[in-house]
């Protein structure tokens, strides 16, 4: 058994997948009505969102110059691995 995540952009393709599920060739584990890659994943409840914001506000901060420097170093490292 393999689990994959796909984005279905066509209603006919979704019908085909539903037919495969009815024939028990596949199982559709989760569906989402949100059609945006920016909003992927399971929706948060209001309390989960509030907790996420609170945790973010309490987490340590990083100076922008430090973050840029770390990213530049990692970028060089990744580019070196790709050669």
N, C-alpha and C. Protein backbone atom coordinates (compact mmCIF):
# COMPACT_ATOMS: atom_id res chain seq x y z
N UNK A 1 0.84 -1.17 0.00
CA UNK A 1 0.00 0.00 0.00
C UNK A 1 0.88 1.24 0.00
N UNK A 2 0.50 2.24 -0.78
CA UNK A 2 1.22 3.52 -0.84
C UNK A 2 0.22 4.63 -0.62
N UNK A 3 0.64 5.69 0.06
CA UNK A 3 -0.20 6.86 0.27
C UNK A 3 0.40 8.01 -0.51
N UNK A 4 -0.42 8.68 -1.31
CA UNK A 4 0.03 9.83 -2.08
C UNK A 4 -0.94 10.99 -1.88
N UNK A 5 -0.45 12.18 -2.11
CA UNK A 5 -1.28 13.37 -2.06
C UNK A 5 -1.31 13.95 -3.46
N UNK A 6 -2.51 14.20 -3.96
CA UNK A 6 -2.63 14.77 -5.30
C UNK A 6 -3.61 15.94 -5.26
N UNK A 7 -3.47 16.82 -6.21
CA UNK A 7 -4.41 17.92 -6.39
C UNK A 7 -5.17 17.64 -7.68
N UNK A 8 -6.48 17.52 -7.57
CA UNK A 8 -7.33 17.23 -8.72
C UNK A 8 -7.95 18.54 -9.18
N UNK A 9 -7.67 18.92 -10.43
CA UNK A 9 -8.13 20.20 -10.94
C UNK A 9 -9.35 20.08 -11.85
N UNK A 10 -9.78 18.86 -12.11
CA UNK A 10 -10.86 18.65 -13.06
C UNK A 10 -11.93 17.78 -12.42
N UNK A 11 -13.20 18.15 -12.58
CA UNK A 11 -14.28 17.40 -11.95
C UNK A 11 -14.42 16.00 -12.55
N UNK A 12 -14.09 15.84 -13.84
CA UNK A 12 -14.15 14.51 -14.46
C UNK A 12 -13.10 13.59 -13.85
N UNK A 13 -11.94 14.13 -13.57
CA UNK A 13 -10.88 13.32 -12.94
C UNK A 13 -11.31 12.90 -11.53
N UNK A 14 -11.97 13.80 -10.82
CA UNK A 14 -12.44 13.47 -9.48
C UNK A 14 -13.50 12.36 -9.54
N UNK A 15 -14.37 12.41 -10.54
CA UNK A 15 -15.37 11.36 -10.71
C UNK A 15 -14.69 10.01 -10.97
N UNK A 16 -13.62 10.03 -11.76
CA UNK A 16 -12.87 8.81 -12.03
C UNK A 16 -12.28 8.25 -10.74
N UNK A 17 -11.73 9.12 -9.91
CA UNK A 17 -11.17 8.67 -8.63
C UNK A 17 -12.26 8.10 -7.72
N UNK A 18 -13.42 8.73 -7.71
CA UNK A 18 -14.53 8.23 -6.89
C UNK A 18 -14.97 6.85 -7.38
N UNK A 19 -14.96 6.65 -8.69
CA UNK A 19 -15.31 5.34 -9.25
C UNK A 19 -14.30 4.28 -8.79
N UNK A 20 -13.02 4.64 -8.82
CA UNK A 20 -11.99 3.71 -8.34
C UNK A 20 -12.17 3.39 -6.87
N UNK A 21 -12.61 4.39 -6.11
CA UNK A 21 -12.85 4.16 -4.68
C UNK A 21 -14.05 3.22 -4.49
N UNK A 22 -15.10 3.41 -5.28
CA UNK A 22 -16.27 2.54 -5.19
C UNK A 22 -15.91 1.08 -5.51
N UNK A 23 -14.97 0.90 -6.43
CA UNK A 23 -14.53 -0.45 -6.80
C UNK A 23 -13.47 -0.99 -5.83
N UNK A 24 -13.16 -0.20 -4.81
CA UNK A 24 -12.21 -0.55 -3.75
C UNK A 24 -10.80 -0.75 -4.26
N UNK A 25 -10.44 -0.04 -5.34
CA UNK A 25 -9.05 -0.04 -5.82
C UNK A 25 -8.21 0.98 -5.05
N UNK A 26 -8.87 2.07 -4.61
CA UNK A 26 -8.19 3.11 -3.85
C UNK A 26 -9.09 3.53 -2.70
N UNK A 27 -8.52 4.26 -1.74
CA UNK A 27 -9.29 4.87 -0.65
C UNK A 27 -8.97 6.35 -0.64
N UNK A 28 -9.99 7.17 -0.64
CA UNK A 28 -9.80 8.61 -0.51
C UNK A 28 -9.86 8.90 0.98
N UNK A 29 -8.73 9.32 1.54
CA UNK A 29 -8.61 9.50 2.98
C UNK A 29 -9.18 10.84 3.42
N UNK A 30 -8.89 11.89 2.68
CA UNK A 30 -9.32 13.21 3.09
C UNK A 30 -9.59 14.05 1.86
N UNK A 31 -10.63 14.85 1.92
CA UNK A 31 -10.91 15.78 0.83
C UNK A 31 -10.97 17.18 1.40
N UNK A 32 -10.73 18.16 0.57
CA UNK A 32 -10.75 19.55 1.00
C UNK A 32 -11.44 20.38 -0.07
N UNK A 33 -12.27 21.29 0.38
CA UNK A 33 -12.95 22.19 -0.55
C UNK A 33 -12.10 23.41 -0.88
N UNK A 34 -11.02 23.61 -0.12
CA UNK A 34 -10.15 24.75 -0.35
C UNK A 34 -9.26 24.45 -1.54
N UNK A 35 -9.32 25.29 -2.56
CA UNK A 35 -8.56 25.06 -3.78
C UNK A 35 -7.41 26.05 -3.89
N UNK A 36 -6.50 25.99 -2.92
CA UNK A 36 -5.38 26.92 -2.93
C UNK A 36 -4.15 26.25 -2.33
N UNK A 37 -3.05 26.22 -3.07
CA UNK A 37 -1.84 25.63 -2.49
C UNK A 37 -1.31 26.43 -1.31
N UNK A 38 -1.69 27.70 -1.21
CA UNK A 38 -1.26 28.53 -0.09
C UNK A 38 -1.95 28.11 1.20
N UNK A 39 -3.10 27.44 1.08
CA UNK A 39 -3.86 27.04 2.25
C UNK A 39 -3.94 25.52 2.37
N UNK A 40 -2.84 24.85 2.06
CA UNK A 40 -2.86 23.39 2.10
C UNK A 40 -2.89 22.90 3.55
N UNK A 41 -3.31 21.68 3.72
CA UNK A 41 -3.37 21.10 5.05
C UNK A 41 -4.75 21.18 5.66
N UNK A 42 -4.85 20.65 6.86
CA UNK A 42 -6.12 20.61 7.56
C UNK A 42 -6.46 22.00 8.11
N UNK A 43 -7.70 22.45 7.97
CA UNK A 43 -8.08 23.76 8.51
C UNK A 43 -7.95 23.80 10.03
N UNK A 44 -7.59 24.96 10.57
CA UNK A 44 -7.45 25.14 12.01
C UNK A 44 -8.75 25.69 12.58
N UNK A 45 -9.07 25.26 13.79
CA UNK A 45 -10.19 25.89 14.50
C UNK A 45 -9.72 27.24 15.01
N UNK A 46 -10.66 28.05 15.46
CA UNK A 46 -10.30 29.39 15.97
C UNK A 46 -9.36 29.27 17.17
N UNK A 47 -9.62 28.33 18.07
CA UNK A 47 -8.75 28.19 19.24
C UNK A 47 -7.36 27.68 18.85
N UNK A 48 -7.28 26.76 17.88
CA UNK A 48 -5.98 26.29 17.41
C UNK A 48 -5.19 27.43 16.78
N UNK A 49 -5.90 28.28 16.01
CA UNK A 49 -5.25 29.43 15.39
C UNK A 49 -4.73 30.40 16.45
N UNK A 50 -5.55 30.67 17.46
CA UNK A 50 -5.13 31.57 18.54
C UNK A 50 -3.91 31.03 19.27
N UNK A 51 -3.89 29.71 19.53
CA UNK A 51 -2.73 29.10 20.18
C UNK A 51 -1.49 29.19 19.31
N UNK A 52 -1.66 29.00 18.01
CA UNK A 52 -0.53 29.09 17.07
C UNK A 52 0.06 30.51 17.10
N UNK A 53 -0.80 31.53 17.10
CA UNK A 53 -0.34 32.92 17.16
C UNK A 53 0.38 33.18 18.47
N UNK A 54 -0.19 32.70 19.58
CA UNK A 54 0.43 32.90 20.89
C UNK A 54 1.81 32.26 20.95
N UNK A 55 1.93 31.03 20.47
CA UNK A 55 3.23 30.35 20.45
C UNK A 55 4.23 31.11 19.59
N UNK A 56 3.77 31.64 18.48
CA UNK A 56 4.66 32.40 17.60
C UNK A 56 5.15 33.68 18.28
N UNK A 57 4.26 34.33 19.00
CA UNK A 57 4.64 35.56 19.69
C UNK A 57 5.63 35.30 20.82
N UNK A 58 5.55 34.12 21.43
CA UNK A 58 6.44 33.79 22.55
C UNK A 58 7.76 33.18 22.10
N UNK A 59 7.86 32.79 20.84
CA UNK A 59 9.09 32.16 20.36
C UNK A 59 10.19 33.21 20.18
N UNK A 60 11.44 32.78 20.27
CA UNK A 60 12.54 33.74 20.11
C UNK A 60 12.59 34.30 18.68
N UNK A 61 13.09 35.51 18.59
CA UNK A 61 13.19 36.16 17.27
C UNK A 61 14.62 36.06 16.74
N UNK A 62 14.75 36.29 15.45
CA UNK A 62 16.05 36.27 14.79
C UNK A 62 16.18 37.57 14.01
N UNK A 63 17.33 38.20 14.10
CA UNK A 63 17.57 39.42 13.34
C UNK A 63 17.55 39.11 11.85
N UNK A 64 17.01 40.00 11.06
CA UNK A 64 16.93 39.79 9.62
C UNK A 64 18.32 39.59 9.01
N UNK A 65 19.29 40.36 9.46
CA UNK A 65 20.65 40.22 8.92
C UNK A 65 21.22 38.83 9.24
N UNK A 66 20.95 38.31 10.44
CA UNK A 66 21.41 36.95 10.79
C UNK A 66 20.73 35.90 9.92
N UNK A 67 19.43 36.05 9.71
CA UNK A 67 18.69 35.09 8.89
C UNK A 67 19.21 35.11 7.45
N UNK A 68 19.48 36.30 6.91
CA UNK A 68 20.01 36.41 5.56
C UNK A 68 21.38 35.75 5.45
N UNK A 69 22.21 35.97 6.46
CA UNK A 69 23.55 35.38 6.47
C UNK A 69 23.47 33.84 6.52
N UNK A 70 22.61 33.31 7.39
CA UNK A 70 22.45 31.86 7.49
C UNK A 70 21.93 31.28 6.17
N UNK A 71 20.97 31.98 5.56
CA UNK A 71 20.42 31.50 4.30
C UNK A 71 21.50 31.51 3.21
N UNK A 72 22.31 32.56 3.17
CA UNK A 72 23.37 32.64 2.16
C UNK A 72 24.34 31.47 2.32
N UNK A 73 24.69 31.14 3.57
CA UNK A 73 25.60 30.02 3.82
C UNK A 73 24.97 28.69 3.39
N UNK A 74 23.69 28.49 3.75
CA UNK A 74 23.00 27.26 3.36
C UNK A 74 22.86 27.16 1.85
N UNK A 75 22.59 28.29 1.21
CA UNK A 75 22.45 28.32 -0.25
C UNK A 75 23.75 27.88 -0.92
N UNK A 76 24.88 28.43 -0.44
CA UNK A 76 26.18 28.03 -0.98
C UNK A 76 26.41 26.53 -0.78
N UNK A 77 26.03 26.05 0.41
CA UNK A 77 26.21 24.63 0.71
C UNK A 77 25.36 23.78 -0.23
N UNK A 78 24.12 24.15 -0.46
CA UNK A 78 23.23 23.39 -1.35
C UNK A 78 23.72 23.44 -2.78
N UNK A 79 24.16 24.60 -3.22
CA UNK A 79 24.68 24.73 -4.58
C UNK A 79 25.93 23.87 -4.77
N UNK A 80 26.75 23.77 -3.72
CA UNK A 80 27.93 22.92 -3.79
C UNK A 80 27.58 21.45 -3.90
N UNK A 81 26.49 21.05 -3.25
CA UNK A 81 26.06 19.66 -3.32
C UNK A 81 25.45 19.31 -4.67
N UNK A 82 24.93 20.30 -5.39
CA UNK A 82 24.29 20.05 -6.68
C UNK A 82 25.27 19.95 -7.82
N UNK A 83 26.53 20.32 -7.59
CA UNK A 83 27.52 20.27 -8.67
C UNK A 83 28.06 18.89 -8.87
